[in-house]
Amino acid sequence: MIYDHRTYTCRPGTIAKHLKLYEDSGWQIQKKHLGDPAVYAATETGDVNSYIHIWVYESAADRAAKRANLKADPEWQEYLKKSADAGYLISQVNKILTPTGFFQKL
């Protein structure tokens, strides 16, 4: 199992607008291809202009296949264009995490 941990940072004052755009135009499409994330949350303290989501995959191959299907979806491409046109995002950091030997999935 692997976890795809993604942190996105928005321009100050735009995170609510960005999350609304995603909720309206991206959320259902992404869930269709990737399933439900383990976490999808806005940052409450620290960098309050950021949010994270964590997706769970069986393996790197599972992740690659699901993300390829998402990328090929015309509705996802339409959402990406809307997001780019809005210009709310300023950075993205992705990390692939593997559970430690003693961690048990809940």
N, C-alpha and C. Protein backbone atom coordinates (compact mmCIF):
# COMPACT_ATOMS: atom_id res chain seq x y z
N MET A 1 0.84 -1.17 0.00
CA MET A 1 0.00 0.00 0.00
C MET A 1 0.89 1.24 0.00
N ILE A 2 0.45 2.26 -0.74
CA ILE A 2 1.15 3.54 -0.73
C ILE A 2 0.13 4.67 -0.54
N TYR A 3 0.63 5.78 -0.03
CA TYR A 3 -0.18 6.97 0.17
C TYR A 3 0.40 8.09 -0.69
N ASP A 4 -0.45 8.74 -1.44
CA ASP A 4 -0.06 9.88 -2.27
C ASP A 4 -0.51 11.13 -1.51
N HIS A 5 0.45 11.80 -0.87
CA HIS A 5 0.18 12.98 -0.04
C HIS A 5 0.45 14.22 -0.87
N ARG A 6 -0.56 15.05 -1.07
CA ARG A 6 -0.45 16.22 -1.93
C ARG A 6 -0.79 17.47 -1.14
N THR A 7 0.08 18.46 -1.23
CA THR A 7 -0.15 19.75 -0.60
C THR A 7 -0.20 20.82 -1.69
N TYR A 8 -1.27 21.58 -1.69
CA TYR A 8 -1.45 22.66 -2.65
C TYR A 8 -1.52 23.98 -1.90
N THR A 9 -0.92 25.00 -2.43
CA THR A 9 -0.97 26.34 -1.83
C THR A 9 -1.64 27.29 -2.81
N CYS A 10 -2.58 28.06 -2.29
CA CYS A 10 -3.32 29.04 -3.09
C CYS A 10 -2.82 30.44 -2.80
N ARG A 11 -3.06 31.33 -3.75
CA ARG A 11 -2.79 32.74 -3.51
C ARG A 11 -3.62 33.19 -2.31
N PRO A 12 -3.08 34.05 -1.45
CA PRO A 12 -3.84 34.51 -0.29
C PRO A 12 -5.22 35.06 -0.71
N GLY A 13 -6.21 34.65 0.04
CA GLY A 13 -7.58 35.10 -0.21
C GLY A 13 -8.35 34.31 -1.25
N THR A 14 -7.75 33.25 -1.81
CA THR A 14 -8.43 32.52 -2.89
C THR A 14 -8.74 31.07 -2.56
N ILE A 15 -8.34 30.58 -1.39
CA ILE A 15 -8.52 29.14 -1.12
C ILE A 15 -9.99 28.74 -1.14
N ALA A 16 -10.88 29.55 -0.58
CA ALA A 16 -12.31 29.21 -0.59
C ALA A 16 -12.83 29.16 -2.02
N LYS A 17 -12.41 30.08 -2.87
CA LYS A 17 -12.83 30.09 -4.27
C LYS A 17 -12.31 28.84 -4.99
N HIS A 18 -11.04 28.50 -4.73
CA HIS A 18 -10.47 27.33 -5.39
C HIS A 18 -11.19 26.05 -4.95
N LEU A 19 -11.41 25.89 -3.65
CA LEU A 19 -12.08 24.69 -3.17
C LEU A 19 -13.51 24.60 -3.70
N LYS A 20 -14.19 25.71 -3.87
CA LYS A 20 -15.54 25.71 -4.44
C LYS A 20 -15.50 25.29 -5.91
N LEU A 21 -14.52 25.79 -6.65
CA LEU A 21 -14.35 25.38 -8.04
C LEU A 21 -14.11 23.87 -8.13
N TYR A 22 -13.25 23.37 -7.25
CA TYR A 22 -12.96 21.93 -7.23
C TYR A 22 -14.21 21.14 -6.86
N GLU A 23 -14.92 21.59 -5.82
CA GLU A 23 -16.13 20.89 -5.39
C GLU A 23 -17.14 20.80 -6.53
N ASP A 24 -17.32 21.89 -7.25
CA ASP A 24 -18.31 21.95 -8.33
C ASP A 24 -17.87 21.23 -9.60
N SER A 25 -16.57 21.24 -9.90
CA SER A 25 -16.12 20.77 -11.22
C SER A 25 -15.11 19.63 -11.22
N GLY A 26 -14.49 19.32 -10.08
CA GLY A 26 -13.44 18.31 -10.08
C GLY A 26 -13.64 17.13 -9.16
N TRP A 27 -14.28 17.37 -8.03
CA TRP A 27 -14.41 16.36 -6.97
C TRP A 27 -15.00 15.04 -7.46
N GLN A 28 -16.16 15.08 -8.08
CA GLN A 28 -16.82 13.83 -8.49
C GLN A 28 -16.01 13.09 -9.56
N ILE A 29 -15.39 13.82 -10.45
CA ILE A 29 -14.58 13.19 -11.51
C ILE A 29 -13.37 12.49 -10.90
N GLN A 30 -12.71 13.18 -9.98
CA GLN A 30 -11.53 12.59 -9.36
C GLN A 30 -11.90 11.36 -8.54
N LYS A 31 -12.98 11.45 -7.77
CA LYS A 31 -13.45 10.30 -6.98
C LYS A 31 -13.80 9.12 -7.88
N LYS A 32 -14.36 9.41 -9.05
CA LYS A 32 -14.75 8.35 -9.99
C LYS A 32 -13.54 7.50 -10.35
N HIS A 33 -12.40 8.13 -10.52
CA HIS A 33 -11.21 7.42 -10.96
C HIS A 33 -10.32 6.95 -9.80
N LEU A 34 -10.25 7.72 -8.72
CA LEU A 34 -9.31 7.41 -7.64
C LEU A 34 -9.96 6.81 -6.41
N GLY A 35 -11.28 6.86 -6.31
CA GLY A 35 -11.96 6.43 -5.10
C GLY A 35 -11.96 7.56 -4.08
N ASP A 36 -12.34 7.24 -2.87
CA ASP A 36 -12.37 8.25 -1.81
C ASP A 36 -10.98 8.46 -1.24
N PRO A 37 -10.60 9.70 -1.02
CA PRO A 37 -9.30 9.94 -0.39
C PRO A 37 -9.35 9.58 1.10
N ALA A 38 -8.19 9.31 1.68
CA ALA A 38 -8.11 9.08 3.13
C ALA A 38 -8.31 10.39 3.87
N VAL A 39 -7.83 11.49 3.27
CA VAL A 39 -7.93 12.83 3.86
C VAL A 39 -8.11 13.83 2.74
N TYR A 40 -8.96 14.82 2.97
CA TYR A 40 -9.06 15.99 2.10
C TYR A 40 -9.38 17.13 3.05
N ALA A 41 -8.40 18.00 3.33
CA ALA A 41 -8.58 18.98 4.40
C ALA A 41 -7.86 20.28 4.12
N ALA A 42 -8.45 21.37 4.58
CA ALA A 42 -7.81 22.68 4.54
C ALA A 42 -6.97 22.84 5.80
N THR A 43 -5.88 23.56 5.68
CA THR A 43 -4.99 23.79 6.82
C THR A 43 -5.61 24.84 7.74
N GLU A 44 -5.68 24.51 9.02
CA GLU A 44 -6.29 25.40 10.01
C GLU A 44 -5.26 26.34 10.64
N THR A 45 -4.03 25.85 10.84
CA THR A 45 -2.97 26.68 11.41
C THR A 45 -1.74 26.55 10.53
N GLY A 46 -0.79 27.44 10.71
CA GLY A 46 0.39 27.41 9.84
C GLY A 46 0.06 28.11 8.53
N ASP A 47 0.35 27.45 7.43
CA ASP A 47 0.06 28.02 6.11
C ASP A 47 -1.42 27.86 5.80
N VAL A 48 -2.22 28.83 6.20
CA VAL A 48 -3.67 28.73 6.04
C VAL A 48 -4.13 28.91 4.60
N ASN A 49 -3.21 29.13 3.70
CA ASN A 49 -3.54 29.21 2.27
C ASN A 49 -3.34 27.87 1.58
N SER A 50 -3.19 26.80 2.35
CA SER A 50 -2.93 25.49 1.75
C SER A 50 -3.96 24.46 2.18
N TYR A 51 -4.01 23.40 1.42
CA TYR A 51 -4.85 22.25 1.75
C TYR A 51 -4.12 21.00 1.32
N ILE A 52 -4.52 19.88 1.89
CA ILE A 52 -3.88 18.61 1.55
C ILE A 52 -4.94 17.57 1.21
N HIS A 53 -4.52 16.62 0.43
CA HIS A 53 -5.32 15.41 0.26
C HIS A 53 -4.39 14.24 0.15
N ILE A 54 -4.87 13.11 0.64
CA ILE A 54 -4.09 11.88 0.67
C ILE A 54 -4.93 10.78 0.04
N TRP A 55 -4.37 10.18 -1.01
CA TRP A 55 -5.04 9.09 -1.73
C TRP A 55 -4.32 7.79 -1.42
N VAL A 56 -5.04 6.71 -1.33
CA VAL A 56 -4.48 5.40 -0.99
C VAL A 56 -4.53 4.50 -2.22
N TYR A 57 -3.41 3.87 -2.49
CA TYR A 57 -3.31 2.95 -3.63
C TYR A 57 -2.72 1.62 -3.17
N GLU A 58 -3.06 0.58 -3.88
CA GLU A 58 -2.50 -0.74 -3.56
C GLU A 58 -1.01 -0.81 -3.86
N SER A 59 -0.59 -0.09 -4.90
CA SER A 59 0.81 -0.15 -5.33
C SER A 59 1.09 1.03 -6.25
N ALA A 60 2.35 1.17 -6.64
CA ALA A 60 2.71 2.22 -7.59
C ALA A 60 2.03 1.98 -8.94
N ALA A 61 1.89 0.73 -9.32
CA ALA A 61 1.22 0.40 -10.58
C ALA A 61 -0.26 0.76 -10.53
N ASP A 62 -0.90 0.51 -9.40
CA ASP A 62 -2.31 0.88 -9.21
C ASP A 62 -2.47 2.40 -9.31
N ARG A 63 -1.57 3.12 -8.67
CA ARG A 63 -1.59 4.59 -8.73
C ARG A 63 -1.42 5.06 -10.17
N ALA A 64 -0.45 4.53 -10.87
CA ALA A 64 -0.17 4.95 -12.24
C ALA A 64 -1.38 4.70 -13.15
N ALA A 65 -2.00 3.54 -13.01
CA ALA A 65 -3.16 3.21 -13.85
C ALA A 65 -4.34 4.13 -13.56
N LYS A 66 -4.63 4.35 -12.29
CA LYS A 66 -5.76 5.20 -11.92
C LYS A 66 -5.53 6.65 -12.35
N ARG A 67 -4.31 7.14 -12.16
CA ARG A 67 -4.03 8.53 -12.53
C ARG A 67 -4.02 8.70 -14.07
N ALA A 68 -3.61 7.66 -14.80
CA ALA A 68 -3.66 7.72 -16.27
C ALA A 68 -5.11 7.80 -16.74
N ASN A 69 -5.99 7.02 -16.12
CA ASN A 69 -7.41 7.07 -16.49
C ASN A 69 -8.00 8.44 -16.17
N LEU A 70 -7.63 9.00 -15.02
CA LEU A 70 -8.10 10.34 -14.65
C LEU A 70 -7.63 11.37 -15.68
N LYS A 71 -6.35 11.32 -16.00
CA LYS A 71 -5.78 12.28 -16.95
C LYS A 71 -6.45 12.19 -18.32
N ALA A 72 -6.88 11.00 -18.71
CA ALA A 72 -7.50 10.81 -20.02
C ALA A 72 -8.97 11.24 -20.06
N ASP A 73 -9.56 11.51 -18.92
CA ASP A 73 -10.98 11.88 -18.85
C ASP A 73 -11.16 13.33 -19.32
N PRO A 74 -11.95 13.56 -20.37
CA PRO A 74 -12.16 14.92 -20.86
C PRO A 74 -12.75 15.86 -19.81
N GLU A 75 -13.58 15.34 -18.92
CA GLU A 75 -14.15 16.19 -17.86
C GLU A 75 -13.06 16.66 -16.90
N TRP A 76 -12.08 15.80 -16.62
CA TRP A 76 -10.96 16.20 -15.76
C TRP A 76 -10.12 17.26 -16.46
N GLN A 77 -9.88 17.09 -17.76
CA GLN A 77 -9.13 18.07 -18.51
C GLN A 77 -9.85 19.42 -18.51
N GLU A 78 -11.17 19.38 -18.58
CA GLU A 78 -11.96 20.61 -18.53
C GLU A 78 -11.80 21.29 -17.16
N TYR A 79 -11.83 20.48 -16.08
CA TYR A 79 -11.63 21.05 -14.75
C TYR A 79 -10.23 21.67 -14.64
N LEU A 80 -9.20 20.98 -15.13
CA LEU A 80 -7.84 21.51 -15.05
C LEU A 80 -7.72 22.85 -15.77
N LYS A 81 -8.42 22.97 -16.89
CA LYS A 81 -8.40 24.24 -17.63
C LYS A 81 -9.07 25.34 -16.81
N LYS A 82 -10.22 25.03 -16.20
CA LYS A 82 -10.91 26.02 -15.36
C LYS A 82 -10.01 26.45 -14.20
N SER A 83 -9.34 25.49 -13.60
CA SER A 83 -8.45 25.78 -12.48
C SER A 83 -7.29 26.66 -12.92
N ALA A 84 -6.69 26.31 -14.04
CA ALA A 84 -5.56 27.11 -14.55
C ALA A 84 -6.02 28.53 -14.90
N ASP A 85 -7.18 28.64 -15.55
CA ASP A 85 -7.70 29.96 -15.91
C ASP A 85 -7.98 30.81 -14.67
N ALA A 86 -8.46 30.18 -13.59
CA ALA A 86 -8.75 30.91 -12.36
C ALA A 86 -7.47 31.44 -11.72
N GLY A 87 -6.39 30.68 -11.82
CA GLY A 87 -5.10 31.13 -11.32
C GLY A 87 -4.97 31.16 -9.81
N TYR A 88 -5.75 30.37 -9.10
CA TYR A 88 -5.70 30.38 -7.64
C TYR A 88 -4.48 29.66 -7.07
N LEU A 89 -4.02 28.61 -7.74
CA LEU A 89 -2.91 27.80 -7.20
C LEU A 89 -1.55 28.42 -7.49
N ILE A 90 -0.66 28.37 -6.49
CA ILE A 90 0.70 28.86 -6.71
C ILE A 90 1.76 27.79 -6.51
N SER A 91 1.42 26.70 -5.80
CA SER A 91 2.41 25.62 -5.68
C SER A 91 1.73 24.30 -5.36
N GLN A 92 2.48 23.23 -5.63
CA GLN A 92 2.02 21.87 -5.38
C GLN A 92 3.22 21.05 -4.97
N VAL A 93 3.07 20.25 -3.90
CA VAL A 93 4.13 19.34 -3.46
C VAL A 93 3.50 17.96 -3.29
N ASN A 94 4.04 16.97 -3.98
CA ASN A 94 3.55 15.59 -3.88
C ASN A 94 4.59 14.73 -3.19
N LYS A 95 4.12 13.85 -2.31
CA LYS A 95 4.99 12.89 -1.64
C LYS A 95 4.33 11.52 -1.68
N ILE A 96 5.10 10.52 -2.03
CA ILE A 96 4.61 9.15 -1.95
C ILE A 96 5.11 8.58 -0.63
N LEU A 97 4.18 8.11 0.19
CA LEU A 97 4.49 7.58 1.51
C LEU A 97 4.21 6.09 1.54
N THR A 98 5.05 5.34 2.25
CA THR A 98 4.80 3.92 2.48
C THR A 98 4.67 3.71 3.99
N PRO A 99 3.70 2.90 4.41
CA PRO A 99 3.50 2.69 5.84
C PRO A 99 4.70 1.98 6.47
N THR A 100 4.93 2.29 7.73
CA THR A 100 5.96 1.57 8.48
C THR A 100 5.49 0.16 8.76
N GLY A 101 6.41 -0.70 9.13
CA GLY A 101 6.06 -2.10 9.39
C GLY A 101 5.06 -2.30 10.51
N PHE A 102 5.01 -1.40 11.47
CA PHE A 102 4.12 -1.58 12.62
C PHE A 102 2.76 -0.89 12.46
N PHE A 103 2.56 -0.14 11.36
CA PHE A 103 1.30 0.55 11.15
C PHE A 103 0.25 -0.43 10.67
N GLN A 104 -0.93 -0.35 11.26
CA GLN A 104 -2.06 -1.17 10.82
C GLN A 104 -3.15 -0.24 10.31
N LYS A 105 -3.58 -0.47 9.07
CA LYS A 105 -4.63 0.36 8.50
C LYS A 105 -5.91 0.18 9.32
N LEU A 106 -6.54 1.32 9.61
CA LEU A 106 -7.79 1.27 10.40
C LEU A 106 -8.95 0.83 9.56
